[in-house]
Amino acid sequence: MKVRVKYYGVIRNPKIMDKLEDEICISGNGTVGKLLQSLVRKYGDGFRSMLLTPDWEPLLTTIISLNGHDISETDGLNTKLEDNSELSITAVLAAIEGG
């Protein structure tokens, strides 16, 4: 199955990856988590650390949507992919408190 992945925010760092989008082919019954594993293999640990905790949970500064729906409101990383789905990944900077 083919999934279009669009990148937004600080994840589009030239030192990590500088694409606006990818088209990824996943075999079998794919999930968002399996797709992210594939992207980490492609782009490396810097990519993973901008999006996921060491336990592979999305950081609070990461928004992942599948076909316009936030995956945190469905099955999270276990959300099933369908052919021709669109996944958007947004990584934002955390606000700094104090003063």
C-alpha atoms as a PDB file:
ATOM      1  CA  MET A   1       0.000   0.000   0.000  1.00  0.00           C
ATOM      2  CA  LYS A   2       1.127   3.554  -0.671  1.00  0.00           C
ATOM      3  CA  VAL A   3       0.996   6.295   1.951  1.00  0.00           C
ATOM      4  CA  ARG A   4       1.821   9.936   1.326  1.00  0.00           C
ATOM      5  CA  VAL A   5       3.670  11.522   4.256  1.00  0.00           C
ATOM      6  CA  LYS A   6       3.805  15.310   4.634  1.00  0.00           C
ATOM      7  CA  TYR A   7       6.229  17.045   6.985  1.00  0.00           C
ATOM      8  CA  TYR A   8       5.635  20.296   8.864  1.00  0.00           C
ATOM      9  CA  GLY A   9       7.499  22.326  11.460  1.00  0.00           C
ATOM     10  CA  VAL A  10      11.017  21.823  12.745  1.00  0.00           C
ATOM     11  CA  ILE A  11      11.248  18.249  11.420  1.00  0.00           C
ATOM     12  CA  ARG A  12      12.131  19.851   8.080  1.00  0.00           C
ATOM     13  CA  ASN A  13      15.664  20.520   9.269  1.00  0.00           C
ATOM     14  CA  PRO A  14      18.268  20.171   6.481  1.00  0.00           C
ATOM     15  CA  LYS A  15      20.544  18.256   8.861  1.00  0.00           C
ATOM     16  CA  ILE A  16      17.844  15.597   9.288  1.00  0.00           C
ATOM     17  CA  MET A  17      15.720  15.736   6.150  1.00  0.00           C
ATOM     18  CA  ASP A  18      14.643  18.569   3.905  1.00  0.00           C
ATOM     19  CA  LYS A  19      11.685  17.101   2.069  1.00  0.00           C
ATOM     20  CA  LEU A  20       8.166  18.433   2.114  1.00  0.00           C
ATOM     21  CA  GLU A  21       6.727  14.970   1.587  1.00  0.00           C
ATOM     22  CA  ASP A  22       7.428  11.308   0.857  1.00  0.00           C
ATOM     23  CA  GLU A  23       5.514   8.488  -0.722  1.00  0.00           C
ATOM     24  CA  ILE A  24       6.151   5.308   1.256  1.00  0.00           C
ATOM     25  CA  CYS A  25       5.153   1.770   0.301  1.00  0.00           C
ATOM     26  CA  ILE A  26       4.200  -0.506   3.190  1.00  0.00           C
ATOM     27  CA  SER A  27       3.507  -4.205   2.753  1.00  0.00           C
ATOM     28  CA  GLY A  28       0.779  -6.079   4.583  1.00  0.00           C
ATOM     29  CA  ASN A  29      -1.334  -4.607   7.346  1.00  0.00           C
ATOM     30  CA  GLY A  30       0.526  -1.418   8.071  1.00  0.00           C
ATOM     31  CA  THR A  31       0.159   0.837  11.084  1.00  0.00           C
ATOM     32  CA  VAL A  32       1.338   4.347  11.795  1.00  0.00           C
ATOM     33  CA  GLY A  33       3.988   2.858  14.105  1.00  0.00           C
ATOM     34  CA  LYS A  34       5.357   0.585  11.371  1.00  0.00           C
ATOM     35  CA  LEU A  35       5.459   3.514   8.972  1.00  0.00           C
ATOM     36  CA  LEU A  36       7.395   5.586  11.510  1.00  0.00           C
ATOM     37  CA  GLN A  37       9.865   2.710  11.967  1.00  0.00           C
ATOM     38  CA  SER A  38      10.407   2.726   8.211  1.00  0.00           C
ATOM     39  CA  LEU A  39      10.986   6.495   8.235  1.00  0.00           C
ATOM     40  CA  VAL A  40      13.474   6.201  11.118  1.00  0.00           C
ATOM     41  CA  ARG A  41      15.411   3.579   9.147  1.00  0.00           C
ATOM     42  CA  LYS A  42      15.457   5.997   6.220  1.00  0.00           C
ATOM     43  CA  TYR A  43      16.310   9.238   8.063  1.00  0.00           C
ATOM     44  CA  GLY A  44      18.071   8.053  11.234  1.00  0.00           C
ATOM     45  CA  ASP A  45      18.008   8.654  14.959  1.00  0.00           C
ATOM     46  CA  GLY A  46      17.929  12.447  14.642  1.00  0.00           C
ATOM     47  CA  PHE A  47      14.565  12.105  12.912  1.00  0.00           C
ATOM     48  CA  ARG A  48      13.285   9.758  15.638  1.00  0.00           C
ATOM     49  CA  SER A  49      14.443  11.952  18.512  1.00  0.00           C
ATOM     50  CA  MET A  50      12.561  14.961  17.092  1.00  0.00           C
ATOM     51  CA  LEU A  51       9.287  13.004  17.062  1.00  0.00           C
ATOM     52  CA  LEU A  52       9.388  10.150  19.562  1.00  0.00           C
ATOM     53  CA  THR A  53      10.466   9.349  23.106  1.00  0.00           C
ATOM     54  CA  PRO A  54      13.043   6.587  23.709  1.00  0.00           C
ATOM     55  CA  ASP A  55      10.011   4.301  24.307  1.00  0.00           C
ATOM     56  CA  TRP A  56       8.682   5.159  20.818  1.00  0.00           C
ATOM     57  CA  GLU A  57       5.768   7.279  22.023  1.00  0.00           C
ATOM     58  CA  PRO A  58       5.048  10.577  20.248  1.00  0.00           C
ATOM     59  CA  LEU A  59       6.552  13.575  22.028  1.00  0.00           C
ATOM     60  CA  LEU A  60       4.125  16.181  23.349  1.00  0.00           C
ATOM     61  CA  THR A  61       5.488  18.489  20.638  1.00  0.00           C
ATOM     62  CA  THR A  62       4.593  16.028  17.859  1.00  0.00           C
ATOM     63  CA  ILE A  63       1.261  15.989  16.064  1.00  0.00           C
ATOM     64  CA  ILE A  64       0.576  13.032  13.783  1.00  0.00           C
ATOM     65  CA  SER A  65      -2.599  13.002  11.705  1.00  0.00           C
ATOM     66  CA  LEU A  66      -3.921  10.340   9.372  1.00  0.00           C
ATOM     67  CA  ASN A  67      -6.319  11.579   6.722  1.00  0.00           C
ATOM     68  CA  GLY A  68      -6.942  14.717   8.758  1.00  0.00           C
ATOM     69  CA  HIS A  69      -7.592  12.947  12.090  1.00  0.00           C
ATOM     70  CA  ASP A  70      -5.185  13.154  15.030  1.00  0.00           C
ATOM     71  CA  ILE A  71      -3.999   9.602  15.775  1.00  0.00           C
ATOM     72  CA  SER A  72      -4.043  10.348  19.515  1.00  0.00           C
ATOM     73  CA  GLU A  73      -7.847  10.326  19.203  1.00  0.00           C
ATOM     74  CA  THR A  74      -7.884   6.877  17.579  1.00  0.00           C
ATOM     75  CA  ASP A  75      -5.464   3.997  18.206  1.00  0.00           C
ATOM     76  CA  GLY A  76      -2.272   6.060  18.410  1.00  0.00           C
ATOM     77  CA  LEU A  77       0.674   4.349  16.730  1.00  0.00           C
ATOM     78  CA  ASN A  78      -1.495   1.252  16.253  1.00  0.00           C
ATOM     79  CA  THR A  79      -3.811   3.185  13.909  1.00  0.00           C
ATOM     80  CA  LYS A  80      -4.245   1.122  10.748  1.00  0.00           C
ATOM     81  CA  LEU A  81      -3.156   2.528   7.410  1.00  0.00           C
ATOM     82  CA  GLU A  82      -5.130   2.193   4.210  1.00  0.00           C
ATOM     83  CA  ASP A  83      -3.905   2.419   0.635  1.00  0.00           C
ATOM     84  CA  ASN A  84      -3.529   6.022  -0.535  1.00  0.00           C
ATOM     85  CA  SER A  85      -3.742   7.421   2.994  1.00  0.00           C
ATOM     86  CA  GLU A  86      -2.125  10.739   3.873  1.00  0.00           C
ATOM     87  CA  LEU A  87      -0.121  11.036   7.069  1.00  0.00           C
ATOM     88  CA  SER A  88       1.014  14.435   8.275  1.00  0.00           C
ATOM     89  CA  ILE A  89       3.771  14.832  10.850  1.00  0.00           C
ATOM     90  CA  THR A  90       4.209  18.160  12.589  1.00  0.00           C
ATOM     91  CA  ALA A  91       7.048  18.782  15.042  1.00  0.00           C
ATOM     92  CA  VAL A  92       6.957  22.037  16.965  1.00  0.00           C
ATOM     93  CA  LEU A  93       9.411  23.600  19.388  1.00  0.00           C
ATOM     94  CA  ALA A  94       8.523  23.353  23.053  1.00  0.00           C
ATOM     95  CA  ALA A  95       7.774  26.612  24.793  1.00  0.00           C
ATOM     96  CA  ILE A  96      10.336  27.646  27.375  1.00  0.00           C
ATOM     97  CA  GLU A  97       8.958  28.786  30.703  1.00  0.00           C
ATOM     98  CA  GLY A  98      10.602  30.911  33.321  1.00  0.00           C
ATOM     99  CA  GLY A  99      12.060  34.308  33.452  1.00  0.00           C
END
